[in-house]
Amino acid sequence: MAIYLVTGPPGAGKTTYAQEHMRPGDQLIDFDLIKNESDSERVARARRLDLEDQAKDYNGGDVWITRSLPAAADREEFSDRIGVTKSYVLETPKETSRQRAISRDGDTSHAQYIDQWWEKYSPSSRDEVIKPPDRGNTMSDHQNPDTSHENSAADTATDSPAKKPLSEMSPAEAADYWKSYSRKHESENRRLVEQVDQLTNAAKHFEDQLKQREHELNAQWGKKLAAQSVELLASKLGFADPSDATRFLDLTDVMSDGDVNTKALEEKLTDLAKDRPYLIQKIEDDARLRARRIHRAESEGDKTPQKTRAADALRSYARNK
């Protein structure tokens, strides 16, 4: 399996060149073709980067990649990063490229990009230059993959401007170097963006779980508060076992925004006492028993203020009955 890089200005015929020399099973990674199948240009660019990064893993045939890359340093960095076997540069004349772009796009919008490509173009000994008159005889290496591999290995040994110290580079070489450095980190930056997205989603999921847990704890606390309020009020109303009230009442009826509605609770307990009088009957029996005990204590001469008050209260209760 080989990876072929085809570069040149807009309208140079990169896609056509690749398609003419592809064999069955070969893969073509071309931005314009990907963009036609994508929702947006941003999605298309991300898709192209993914396909380029995975080019070495393609096992259906050879891989053809079309790019602009006018600077030699950019082409060399790209080739090293992707694992390009052979790099081709289409030196299509400006006028030919313009005519093709106009014929393809219906306007002259790409004219400035064609001029810019030629302004930035720098040759490299690692490239095979393709000129329009010679296009028919330029793929001898592709027909013989072994020769192509040997030539590529020989070309790789050649030093490039990017390997010079920055202090020895010309302004143009330095600009090309920093562009190459930026492209080198495209995949890493894309991975970092994906990691940030994953962390953002994880943080949102954790926040949702935290809110759910907080809601559950508030509900549990509200139920405990309601149960305590029921038992306290039930005790004041004379229930024999205040916990009975919590078993017979639906606490959700007396809760409002996590707080207990005391008035509604009292009404519920009063209705419960009327419907189930046996829940407070035991207190009346105990009251009579305590009254008899206090009366016996008084007859024996025990007149403590506390018991006297209790006796008065019980007598008052008996009279009311």
C-alpha atoms as a PDB file:
ATOM      1  CA  MET A   1       0.000   0.000   0.000  1.00  0.00           C
ATOM      2  CA  ALA A   2       1.278   3.470  -0.926  1.00  0.00           C
ATOM      3  CA  ILE A   3       0.176   6.981  -0.046  1.00  0.00           C
ATOM      4  CA  TYR A   4       0.415   9.555  -2.841  1.00  0.00           C
ATOM      5  CA  LEU A   5       0.259  13.305  -2.277  1.00  0.00           C
ATOM      6  CA  VAL A   6      -0.834  15.494  -5.207  1.00  0.00           C
ATOM      7  CA  THR A   7      -0.387  19.251  -4.723  1.00  0.00           C
ATOM      8  CA  GLY A   8      -0.753  22.347  -6.838  1.00  0.00           C
ATOM      9  CA  PRO A   9      -2.680  25.630  -7.145  1.00  0.00           C
ATOM     10  CA  PRO A  10      -6.475  25.810  -7.390  1.00  0.00           C
ATOM     11  CA  GLY A  11      -7.529  24.645 -10.847  1.00  0.00           C
ATOM     12  CA  ALA A  12      -4.307  22.709 -11.402  1.00  0.00           C
ATOM     13  CA  GLY A  13      -6.234  19.480 -11.959  1.00  0.00           C
ATOM     14  CA  LYS A  14      -5.191  17.672  -8.777  1.00  0.00           C
ATOM     15  CA  THR A  15      -8.419  15.707  -8.400  1.00  0.00           C
ATOM     16  CA  THR A  16      -8.507  14.769 -12.080  1.00  0.00           C
ATOM     17  CA  TYR A  17      -4.870  13.701 -11.977  1.00  0.00           C
ATOM     18  CA  ALA A  18      -5.449  11.444  -8.979  1.00  0.00           C
ATOM     19  CA  GLN A  19      -8.614   9.928 -10.446  1.00  0.00           C
ATOM     20  CA  GLU A  20      -6.880   9.182 -13.748  1.00  0.00           C
ATOM     21  CA  HIS A  21      -4.151   7.173 -12.009  1.00  0.00           C
ATOM     22  CA  MET A  22      -6.175   5.465  -9.284  1.00  0.00           C
ATOM     23  CA  ARG A  23      -6.736   1.729  -9.445  1.00  0.00           C
ATOM     24  CA  PRO A  24      -9.783  -0.212  -8.163  1.00  0.00           C
ATOM     25  CA  GLY A  25      -9.851  -0.128  -4.374  1.00  0.00           C
ATOM     26  CA  ASP A  26      -7.766   3.044  -4.079  1.00  0.00           C
ATOM     27  CA  GLN A  27      -9.015   5.805  -1.756  1.00  0.00           C
ATOM     28  CA  LEU A  28      -9.171   9.489  -2.695  1.00  0.00           C
ATOM     29  CA  ILE A  29      -9.073  12.134   0.052  1.00  0.00           C
ATOM     30  CA  ASP A  30     -10.114  15.369  -1.639  1.00  0.00           C
ATOM     31  CA  PHE A  31     -11.544  18.373   0.218  1.00  0.00           C
ATOM     32  CA  ASP A  32     -13.993  19.428  -2.510  1.00  0.00           C
ATOM     33  CA  LEU A  33     -15.432  15.915  -2.728  1.00  0.00           C
ATOM     34  CA  ILE A  34     -15.712  15.657   1.060  1.00  0.00           C
ATOM     35  CA  LYS A  35     -17.329  19.112   1.290  1.00  0.00           C
ATOM     36  CA  ASN A  36     -20.022  18.083  -1.190  1.00  0.00           C
ATOM     37  CA  GLU A  37     -21.039  15.306   1.216  1.00  0.00           C
ATOM     38  CA  SER A  38     -20.776  17.356   4.461  1.00  0.00           C
ATOM     39  CA  ASP A  39     -23.141  19.706   6.268  1.00  0.00           C
ATOM     40  CA  SER A  40     -20.597  22.506   6.525  1.00  0.00           C
ATOM     41  CA  GLU A  41     -17.046  23.429   5.586  1.00  0.00           C
ATOM     42  CA  ARG A  42     -15.975  23.014   9.212  1.00  0.00           C
ATOM     43  CA  VAL A  43     -17.261  19.448   9.269  1.00  0.00           C
ATOM     44  CA  ALA A  44     -15.571  18.739   5.942  1.00  0.00           C
ATOM     45  CA  ARG A  45     -12.199  19.982   7.210  1.00  0.00           C
ATOM     46  CA  ALA A  46     -12.444  17.851  10.341  1.00  0.00           C
ATOM     47  CA  ARG A  47     -13.409  14.833   8.229  1.00  0.00           C
ATOM     48  CA  ARG A  48     -10.467  15.363   5.887  1.00  0.00           C
ATOM     49  CA  LEU A  49      -8.032  15.525   8.831  1.00  0.00           C
ATOM     50  CA  ASP A  50      -9.433  12.299  10.255  1.00  0.00           C
ATOM     51  CA  LEU A  51      -9.098  10.491   6.921  1.00  0.00           C
ATOM     52  CA  GLU A  52      -5.537  11.726   6.460  1.00  0.00           C
ATOM     53  CA  ASP A  53      -4.558  10.579   9.950  1.00  0.00           C
ATOM     54  CA  GLN A  54      -6.016   7.138   9.192  1.00  0.00           C
ATOM     55  CA  ALA A  55      -4.439   6.843   5.718  1.00  0.00           C
ATOM     56  CA  LYS A  56      -1.686   4.495   6.946  1.00  0.00           C
ATOM     57  CA  ASP A  57      -4.358   2.080   8.211  1.00  0.00           C
ATOM     58  CA  TYR A  58      -6.234   1.839   4.900  1.00  0.00           C
ATOM     59  CA  ASN A  59      -5.901  -1.673   3.479  1.00  0.00           C
ATOM     60  CA  GLY A  60      -8.176  -1.559   0.421  1.00  0.00           C
ATOM     61  CA  GLY A  61      -5.483  -0.247  -1.902  1.00  0.00           C
ATOM     62  CA  ASP A  62      -3.422   2.923  -2.296  1.00  0.00           C
ATOM     63  CA  VAL A  63      -4.420   6.308  -0.857  1.00  0.00           C
ATOM     64  CA  TRP A  64      -4.407   9.528  -2.896  1.00  0.00           C
ATOM     65  CA  ILE A  65      -4.460  12.869  -1.080  1.00  0.00           C
ATOM     66  CA  THR A  66      -4.933  16.223  -2.806  1.00  0.00           C
ATOM     67  CA  ARG A  67      -3.684  19.358  -1.069  1.00  0.00           C
ATOM     68  CA  SER A  68      -2.528  22.876  -1.924  1.00  0.00           C
ATOM     69  CA  LEU A  69       0.683  23.169   0.180  1.00  0.00           C
ATOM     70  CA  PRO A  70       2.759  25.571  -1.943  1.00  0.00           C
ATOM     71  CA  ALA A  71       5.672  25.719   0.544  1.00  0.00           C
ATOM     72  CA  ALA A  72       8.208  22.908   0.374  1.00  0.00           C
ATOM     73  CA  ALA A  73       8.508  22.785   4.178  1.00  0.00           C
ATOM     74  CA  ASP A  74       4.755  22.268   4.503  1.00  0.00           C
ATOM     75  CA  ARG A  75       4.752  19.438   1.973  1.00  0.00           C
ATOM     76  CA  GLU A  76       7.701  17.746   3.639  1.00  0.00           C
ATOM     77  CA  GLU A  77       6.185  18.044   7.127  1.00  0.00           C
ATOM     78  CA  PHE A  78       2.849  16.737   5.869  1.00  0.00           C
ATOM     79  CA  SER A  79       4.537  13.833   4.080  1.00  0.00           C
ATOM     80  CA  ASP A  80       6.507  12.860   7.184  1.00  0.00           C
ATOM     81  CA  ARG A  81       3.465  13.077   9.448  1.00  0.00           C
ATOM     82  CA  ILE A  82       1.061  11.168   7.193  1.00  0.00           C
ATOM     83  CA  GLY A  83       3.599   8.700   5.817  1.00  0.00           C
ATOM     84  CA  VAL A  84       3.470   9.796   2.166  1.00  0.00           C
ATOM     85  CA  THR A  85       5.227   7.439  -0.242  1.00  0.00           C
ATOM     86  CA  LYS A  86       5.492   9.861  -3.135  1.00  0.00           C
ATOM     87  CA  SER A  87       4.709  13.570  -3.525  1.00  0.00           C
ATOM     88  CA  TYR A  88       3.659  15.128  -6.846  1.00  0.00           C
ATOM     89  CA  VAL A  89       3.452  18.848  -7.598  1.00  0.00           C
ATOM     90  CA  LEU A  90       1.361  19.985 -10.563  1.00  0.00           C
ATOM     91  CA  GLU A  91       3.034  23.109 -11.930  1.00  0.00           C
ATOM     92  CA  THR A  92       0.031  24.080 -14.011  1.00  0.00           C
ATOM     93  CA  PRO A  93       0.477  27.608 -15.478  1.00  0.00           C
ATOM     94  CA  LYS A  94      -1.553  30.413 -13.893  1.00  0.00           C
ATOM     95  CA  GLU A  95      -3.659  31.077 -16.956  1.00  0.00           C
ATOM     96  CA  THR A  96      -4.539  27.407 -17.402  1.00  0.00           C
ATOM     97  CA  SER A  97      -5.515  27.157 -13.739  1.00  0.00           C
ATOM     98  CA  ARG A  98      -7.656  30.302 -13.995  1.00  0.00           C
ATOM     99  CA  GLN A  99      -9.533  28.991 -17.024  1.00  0.00           C
ATOM    100  CA  ARG A 100     -10.184  25.667 -15.313  1.00  0.00           C
ATOM    101  CA  ALA A 101     -11.364  27.383 -12.105  1.00  0.00           C
ATOM    102  CA  ILE A 102     -13.721  29.656 -14.054  1.00  0.00           C
ATOM    103  CA  SER A 103     -15.074  26.703 -16.002  1.00  0.00           C
ATOM    104  CA  ARG A 104     -15.581  24.721 -12.791  1.00  0.00           C
ATOM    105  CA  ASP A 105     -16.916  27.464 -10.470  1.00  0.00           C
ATOM    106  CA  GLY A 106     -18.471  29.883 -12.973  1.00  0.00           C
ATOM    107  CA  ASP A 107     -16.578  32.912 -11.554  1.00  0.00           C
ATOM    108  CA  THR A 108     -13.093  34.291 -10.939  1.00  0.00           C
ATOM    109  CA  SER A 109     -13.184  33.971  -7.129  1.00  0.00           C
ATOM    110  CA  HIS A 110     -10.194  31.621  -7.120  1.00  0.00           C
ATOM    111  CA  ALA A 111      -7.936  33.891  -9.171  1.00  0.00           C
ATOM    112  CA  GLN A 112      -6.331  35.519  -6.115  1.00  0.00           C
ATOM    113  CA  TYR A 113      -5.660  32.130  -4.521  1.00  0.00           C
ATOM    114  CA  ILE A 114      -3.916  30.951  -7.660  1.00  0.00           C
ATOM    115  CA  ASP A 115      -1.643  34.031  -7.589  1.00  0.00           C
ATOM    116  CA  GLN A 116      -0.987  33.525  -3.864  1.00  0.00           C
ATOM    117  CA  TRP A 117      -0.056  29.880  -4.433  1.00  0.00           C
ATOM    118  CA  TRP A 118       2.609  30.813  -6.967  1.00  0.00           C
ATOM    119  CA  GLU A 119       3.936  33.586  -4.704  1.00  0.00           C
ATOM    120  CA  LYS A 120       4.430  31.072  -1.869  1.00  0.00           C
ATOM    121  CA  TYR A 121       5.555  28.129  -3.996  1.00  0.00           C
ATOM    122  CA  SER A 122       8.971  26.644  -3.315  1.00  0.00           C
ATOM    123  CA  PRO A 123      10.266  23.447  -4.918  1.00  0.00           C
ATOM    124  CA  SER A 124      11.655  20.458  -3.074  1.00  0.00           C
ATOM    125  CA  SER A 125      13.918  17.659  -4.221  1.00  0.00           C
ATOM    126  CA  ARG A 126      11.482  15.250  -2.562  1.00  0.00           C
ATOM    127  CA  ASP A 127       8.727  16.124  -5.052  1.00  0.00           C
ATOM    128  CA  GLU A 128       8.154  14.902  -8.579  1.00  0.00           C
ATOM    129  CA  VAL A 129       7.105  17.918 -10.616  1.00  0.00           C
ATOM    130  CA  ILE A 130       4.321  17.353 -13.138  1.00  0.00           C
ATOM    131  CA  LYS A 131       3.910  19.773 -16.025  1.00  0.00           C
ATOM    132  CA  PRO A 132       0.834  19.587 -18.292  1.00  0.00           C
ATOM    133  CA  PRO A 133       2.703  18.466 -21.464  1.00  0.00           C
ATOM    134  CA  ASP A 134       4.293  15.552 -19.584  1.00  0.00           C
ATOM    135  CA  ARG A 135       1.241  14.290 -17.717  1.00  0.00           C
ATOM    136  CA  GLY A 136       0.933  11.162 -19.791  1.00  0.00           C
ATOM    137  CA  ASN A 137       4.368   9.803 -18.747  1.00  0.00           C
ATOM    138  CA  THR A 138       4.649  10.724 -15.101  1.00  0.00           C
ATOM    139  CA  MET A 139       3.440   7.643 -13.323  1.00  0.00           C
ATOM    140  CA  SER A 140       6.197   5.167 -13.996  1.00  0.00           C
ATOM    141  CA  ASP A 141       6.906   5.072 -10.260  1.00  0.00           C
ATOM    142  CA  HIS A 142       3.254   4.385  -9.479  1.00  0.00           C
ATOM    143  CA  GLN A 143       3.234   1.470 -11.928  1.00  0.00           C
ATOM    144  CA  ASN A 144       6.297   0.085 -10.069  1.00  0.00           C
ATOM    145  CA  PRO A 145       5.744   0.542  -6.311  1.00  0.00           C
ATOM    146  CA  ASP A 146       9.183  -0.845  -5.436  1.00  0.00           C
ATOM    147  CA  THR A 147      10.954   1.844  -7.482  1.00  0.00           C
ATOM    148  CA  SER A 148       8.680   4.491  -5.987  1.00  0.00           C
ATOM    149  CA  HIS A 149       9.577   3.367  -2.481  1.00  0.00           C
ATOM    150  CA  GLU A 150      13.314   3.487  -3.218  1.00  0.00           C
ATOM    151  CA  ASN A 151      13.110   6.941  -4.742  1.00  0.00           C
ATOM    152  CA  SER A 152      11.077   8.195  -1.818  1.00  0.00           C
ATOM    153  CA  ALA A 153      13.616   6.825   0.660  1.00  0.00           C
ATOM    154  CA  ALA A 154      16.438   8.520  -1.235  1.00  0.00           C
ATOM    155  CA  ASP A 155      14.580  11.791  -1.355  1.00  0.00           C
ATOM    156  CA  THR A 156      13.900  11.680   2.401  1.00  0.00           C
ATOM    157  CA  ALA A 157      17.605  11.949   3.081  1.00  0.00           C
ATOM    158  CA  THR A 158      17.689  15.427   1.552  1.00  0.00           C
ATOM    159  CA  ASP A 159      17.834  18.297   4.042  1.00  0.00           C
ATOM    160  CA  SER A 160      14.962  20.769   3.970  1.00  0.00           C
ATOM    161  CA  PRO A 161      14.886  24.472   5.000  1.00  0.00           C
ATOM    162  CA  ALA A 162      12.807  23.503   8.044  1.00  0.00           C
ATOM    163  CA  LYS A 163      15.837  21.645   9.475  1.00  0.00           C
ATOM    164  CA  LYS A 164      17.984  24.797   9.509  1.00  0.00           C
ATOM    165  CA  PRO A 165      18.365  26.820  12.730  1.00  0.00           C
ATOM    166  CA  LEU A 166      15.855  29.646  12.817  1.00  0.00           C
ATOM    167  CA  SER A 167      18.679  32.173  12.984  1.00  0.00           C
ATOM    168  CA  GLU A 168      19.931  30.998   9.567  1.00  0.00           C
ATOM    169  CA  MET A 169      16.533  31.004   7.840  1.00  0.00           C
ATOM    170  CA  SER A 170      15.379  33.694   5.464  1.00  0.00           C
ATOM    171  CA  PRO A 171      12.078  35.442   6.335  1.00  0.00           C
ATOM    172  CA  ALA A 172      10.275  33.276   3.781  1.00  0.00           C
ATOM    173  CA  GLU A 173      11.819  30.066   5.172  1.00  0.00           C
ATOM    174  CA  ALA A 174      10.988  31.098   8.728  1.00  0.00           C
ATOM    175  CA  ALA A 175       7.374  31.737   7.708  1.00  0.00           C
ATOM    176  CA  ASP A 176       7.238  28.330   6.048  1.00  0.00           C
ATOM    177  CA  TYR A 177       8.739  26.729   9.151  1.00  0.00           C
ATOM    178  CA  TRP A 178       6.103  28.163  11.484  1.00  0.00           C
ATOM    179  CA  LYS A 179       3.340  27.129   9.096  1.00  0.00           C
ATOM    180  CA  SER A 180       4.780  23.626   9.099  1.00  0.00           C
ATOM    181  CA  TYR A 181       4.970  23.663  12.892  1.00  0.00           C
ATOM    182  CA  SER A 182       1.337  24.740  13.085  1.00  0.00           C
ATOM    183  CA  ARG A 183       0.177  22.003  10.726  1.00  0.00           C
ATOM    184  CA  LYS A 184       2.178  19.450  12.681  1.00  0.00           C
ATOM    185  CA  HIS A 185      -0.018  20.111  15.678  1.00  0.00           C
ATOM    186  CA  GLU A 186      -3.349  20.094  13.846  1.00  0.00           C
ATOM    187  CA  SER A 187      -4.153  16.549  14.938  1.00  0.00           C
ATOM    188  CA  GLU A 188      -3.093  17.235  18.518  1.00  0.00           C
ATOM    189  CA  ASN A 189      -5.237  20.362  18.657  1.00  0.00           C
ATOM    190  CA  ARG A 190      -8.191  18.440  17.270  1.00  0.00           C
ATOM    191  CA  ARG A 191      -7.722  15.751  19.912  1.00  0.00           C
ATOM    192  CA  LEU A 192      -7.569  18.417  22.601  1.00  0.00           C
ATOM    193  CA  VAL A 193     -10.838  19.902  21.344  1.00  0.00           C
ATOM    194  CA  GLU A 194     -12.434  16.456  21.491  1.00  0.00           C
ATOM    195  CA  GLN A 195     -11.105  15.960  25.025  1.00  0.00           C
ATOM    196  CA  VAL A 196     -12.515  19.336  26.082  1.00  0.00           C
ATOM    197  CA  ASP A 197     -15.894  18.326  24.638  1.00  0.00           C
ATOM    198  CA  GLN A 198     -15.740  15.019  26.512  1.00  0.00           C
ATOM    199  CA  LEU A 199     -14.821  16.776  29.772  1.00  0.00           C
ATOM    200  CA  THR A 200     -17.625  19.298  29.255  1.00  0.00           C
ATOM    201  CA  ASN A 201     -20.130  16.503  28.719  1.00  0.00           C
ATOM    202  CA  ALA A 202     -18.786  14.643  31.764  1.00  0.00           C
ATOM    203  CA  ALA A 203     -19.076  17.791  33.884  1.00  0.00           C
ATOM    204  CA  LYS A 204     -22.660  18.318  32.736  1.00  0.00           C
ATOM    205  CA  HIS A 205     -23.485  14.683  33.521  1.00  0.00           C
ATOM    206  CA  PHE A 206     -21.939  15.063  36.983  1.00  0.00           C
ATOM    207  CA  GLU A 207     -23.892  18.286  37.568  1.00  0.00           C
ATOM    208  CA  ASP A 208     -27.130  16.530  36.593  1.00  0.00           C
ATOM    209  CA  GLN A 209     -26.339  13.665  38.967  1.00  0.00           C
ATOM    210  CA  LEU A 210     -25.547  16.141  41.734  1.00  0.00           C
ATOM    211  CA  LYS A 211     -28.861  17.923  41.236  1.00  0.00           C
ATOM    212  CA  GLN A 212     -30.695  14.599  41.250  1.00  0.00           C
ATOM    213  CA  ARG A 213     -28.965  13.562  44.466  1.00  0.00           C
ATOM    214  CA  GLU A 214     -29.731  16.932  46.047  1.00  0.00           C
ATOM    215  CA  HIS A 215     -33.390  16.516  45.087  1.00  0.00           C
ATOM    216  CA  GLU A 216     -33.447  13.022  46.614  1.00  0.00           C
ATOM    217  CA  LEU A 217     -31.833  14.224  49.860  1.00  0.00           C
ATOM    218  CA  ASN A 218     -34.278  17.126  50.106  1.00  0.00           C
ATOM    219  CA  ALA A 219     -37.165  14.713  49.628  1.00  0.00           C
ATOM    220  CA  GLN A 220     -35.803  12.395  52.319  1.00  0.00           C
ATOM    221  CA  TRP A 221     -35.261  15.285  54.715  1.00  0.00           C
ATOM    222  CA  GLY A 222     -38.743  16.613  53.974  1.00  0.00           C
ATOM    223  CA  LYS A 223     -40.289  13.237  54.823  1.00  0.00           C
ATOM    224  CA  LYS A 224     -38.367  13.024  58.096  1.00  0.00           C
ATOM    225  CA  LEU A 225     -39.384  16.567  59.007  1.00  0.00           C
ATOM    226  CA  ALA A 226     -43.002  15.812  58.168  1.00  0.00           C
ATOM    227  CA  ALA A 227     -42.955  12.612  60.257  1.00  0.00           C
ATOM    228  CA  GLN A 228     -41.520  14.469  63.260  1.00  0.00           C
ATOM    229  CA  SER A 229     -44.112  17.210  62.912  1.00  0.00           C
ATOM    230  CA  VAL A 230     -46.933  14.627  62.670  1.00  0.00           C
ATOM    231  CA  GLU A 231     -45.806  12.794  65.801  1.00  0.00           C
ATOM    232  CA  LEU A 232     -45.368  16.026  67.783  1.00  0.00           C
ATOM    233  CA  LEU A 233     -48.796  17.358  66.875  1.00  0.00           C
ATOM    234  CA  ALA A 234     -50.396  13.932  67.301  1.00  0.00           C
ATOM    235  CA  SER A 235     -48.983  13.749  70.807  1.00  0.00           C
ATOM    236  CA  LYS A 236     -50.486  17.143  71.649  1.00  0.00           C
ATOM    237  CA  LEU A 237     -53.851  16.036  70.290  1.00  0.00           C
ATOM    238  CA  GLY A 238     -53.897  12.972  72.566  1.00  0.00           C
ATOM    239  CA  PHE A 239     -52.947  10.104  70.283  1.00  0.00           C
ATOM    240  CA  ALA A 240     -51.961   7.043  72.288  1.00  0.00           C
ATOM    241  CA  ASP A 241     -49.063   6.265  69.934  1.00  0.00           C
ATOM    242  CA  PRO A 242     -48.112   9.334  67.849  1.00  0.00           C
ATOM    243  CA  SER A 243     -46.339   7.089  65.328  1.00  0.00           C
ATOM    244  CA  ASP A 244     -49.772   5.676  64.420  1.00  0.00           C
ATOM    245  CA  ALA A 245     -50.585   8.978  62.752  1.00  0.00           C
ATOM    246  CA  THR A 246     -47.667   8.663  60.331  1.00  0.00           C
ATOM    247  CA  ARG A 247     -48.903   5.232  59.254  1.00  0.00           C
ATOM    248  CA  PHE A 248     -52.423   6.445  58.456  1.00  0.00           C
ATOM    249  CA  LEU A 249     -51.610   9.799  56.868  1.00  0.00           C
ATOM    250  CA  ASP A 250     -50.274  10.558  53.401  1.00  0.00           C
ATOM    251  CA  LEU A 251     -47.472  13.007  54.220  1.00  0.00           C
ATOM    252  CA  THR A 252     -47.403  14.394  50.686  1.00  0.00           C
ATOM    253  CA  ASP A 253     -50.745  16.050  51.434  1.00  0.00           C
ATOM    254  CA  VAL A 254     -49.203  18.230  54.145  1.00  0.00           C
ATOM    255  CA  MET A 255     -45.941  19.144  52.352  1.00  0.00           C
ATOM    256  CA  SER A 256     -45.442  22.351  50.395  1.00  0.00           C
ATOM    257  CA  ASP A 257     -42.053  23.178  48.804  1.00  0.00           C
ATOM    258  CA  GLY A 258     -40.274  20.998  51.355  1.00  0.00           C
ATOM    259  CA  ASP A 259     -42.018  22.577  54.370  1.00  0.00           C
ATOM    260  CA  VAL A 260     -44.834  21.225  56.539  1.00  0.00           C
ATOM    261  CA  ASN A 261     -48.200  22.954  56.324  1.00  0.00           C
ATOM    262  CA  THR A 262     -49.109  22.890  60.026  1.00  0.00           C
ATOM    263  CA  LYS A 263     -52.719  23.945  59.535  1.00  0.00           C
ATOM    264  CA  ALA A 264     -53.351  21.236  56.963  1.00  0.00           C
ATOM    265  CA  LEU A 265     -51.610  18.693  59.200  1.00  0.00           C
ATOM    266  CA  GLU A 266     -53.792  19.578  62.186  1.00  0.00           C
ATOM    267  CA  GLU A 267     -56.935  19.219  60.081  1.00  0.00           C
ATOM    268  CA  LYS A 268     -55.747  15.817  58.828  1.00  0.00           C
ATOM    269  CA  LEU A 269     -55.013  14.613  62.365  1.00  0.00           C
ATOM    270  CA  THR A 270     -58.381  15.860  63.657  1.00  0.00           C
ATOM    271  CA  ASP A 271     -60.178  14.013  60.879  1.00  0.00           C
ATOM    272  CA  LEU A 272     -58.089  10.920  61.621  1.00  0.00           C
ATOM    273  CA  ALA A 273     -59.046  11.056  65.300  1.00  0.00           C
ATOM    274  CA  LYS A 274     -62.731  11.235  64.377  1.00  0.00           C
ATOM    275  CA  ASP A 275     -62.466   8.375  61.880  1.00  0.00           C
ATOM    276  CA  ARG A 276     -60.336   6.197  64.196  1.00  0.00           C
ATOM    277  CA  PRO A 277     -61.226   7.110  67.784  1.00  0.00           C
ATOM    278  CA  TYR A 278     -59.500   4.026  69.150  1.00  0.00           C
ATOM    279  CA  LEU A 279     -56.185   5.754  68.444  1.00  0.00           C
ATOM    280  CA  ILE A 280     -56.793   8.168  71.352  1.00  0.00           C
ATOM    281  CA  GLN A 281     -58.918   5.877  73.594  1.00  0.00           C
ATOM    282  CA  LYS A 282     -55.857   4.559  75.390  1.00  0.00           C
ATOM    283  CA  ILE A 283     -54.968   8.034  76.652  1.00  0.00           C
ATOM    284  CA  GLU A 284     -58.384   8.491  78.216  1.00  0.00           C
ATOM    285  CA  ASP A 285     -57.992   5.149  80.023  1.00  0.00           C
ATOM    286  CA  ASP A 286     -54.502   6.103  81.174  1.00  0.00           C
ATOM    287  CA  ALA A 287     -55.807   9.476  82.375  1.00  0.00           C
ATOM    288  CA  ARG A 288     -58.430   7.816  84.562  1.00  0.00           C
ATOM    289  CA  LEU A 289     -55.786   5.461  85.939  1.00  0.00           C
ATOM    290  CA  ARG A 290     -53.442   8.353  86.771  1.00  0.00           C
ATOM    291  CA  ALA A 291     -56.330  10.239  88.379  1.00  0.00           C
ATOM    292  CA  ARG A 292     -57.037   7.285  90.688  1.00  0.00           C
ATOM    293  CA  ARG A 293     -53.371   7.039  91.628  1.00  0.00           C
ATOM    294  CA  ILE A 294     -53.143  10.752  92.425  1.00  0.00           C
ATOM    295  CA  HIS A 295     -56.391  10.610  94.427  1.00  0.00           C
ATOM    296  CA  ARG A 296     -54.951   7.732  96.458  1.00  0.00           C
ATOM    297  CA  ALA A 297     -51.754   9.713  97.027  1.00  0.00           C
ATOM    298  CA  GLU A 298     -53.717  12.743  98.214  1.00  0.00           C
ATOM    299  CA  SER A 299     -55.729  10.612 100.681  1.00  0.00           C
ATOM    300  CA  GLU A 300     -52.430   9.437 102.110  1.00  0.00           C
ATOM    301  CA  GLY A 301     -51.371  13.033 102.757  1.00  0.00           C
ATOM    302  CA  ASP A 302     -49.080  13.627  99.763  1.00  0.00           C
ATOM    303  CA  LYS A 303     -49.888  17.228  98.739  1.00  0.00           C
ATOM    304  CA  THR A 304     -46.961  18.142  96.517  1.00  0.00           C
ATOM    305  CA  PRO A 305     -47.705  21.105  94.223  1.00  0.00           C
ATOM    306  CA  GLN A 306     -46.945  19.080  91.114  1.00  0.00           C
ATOM    307  CA  LYS A 307     -49.391  16.314  91.915  1.00  0.00           C
ATOM    308  CA  THR A 308     -52.007  18.801  93.104  1.00  0.00           C
ATOM    309  CA  ARG A 309     -51.889  20.533  89.744  1.00  0.00           C
ATOM    310  CA  ALA A 310     -52.083  17.187  87.992  1.00  0.00           C
ATOM    311  CA  ALA A 311     -55.083  16.194  90.101  1.00  0.00           C
ATOM    312  CA  ASP A 312     -56.862  19.461  89.342  1.00  0.00           C
ATOM    313  CA  ALA A 313     -56.261  18.933  85.662  1.00  0.00           C
ATOM    314  CA  LEU A 314     -57.609  15.423  85.765  1.00  0.00           C
ATOM    315  CA  ARG A 315     -60.681  16.463  87.786  1.00  0.00           C
ATOM    316  CA  SER A 316     -61.365  19.131  85.189  1.00  0.00           C
ATOM    317  CA  TYR A 317     -61.024  16.527  82.482  1.00  0.00           C
ATOM    318  CA  ALA A 318     -63.450  14.178  84.317  1.00  0.00           C
ATOM    319  CA  ARG A 319     -66.042  16.918  84.776  1.00  0.00           C
ATOM    320  CA  ASN A 320     -65.894  17.769  81.091  1.00  0.00           C
ATOM    321  CA  LYS A 321     -66.498  14.151  80.231  1.00  0.00           C
END
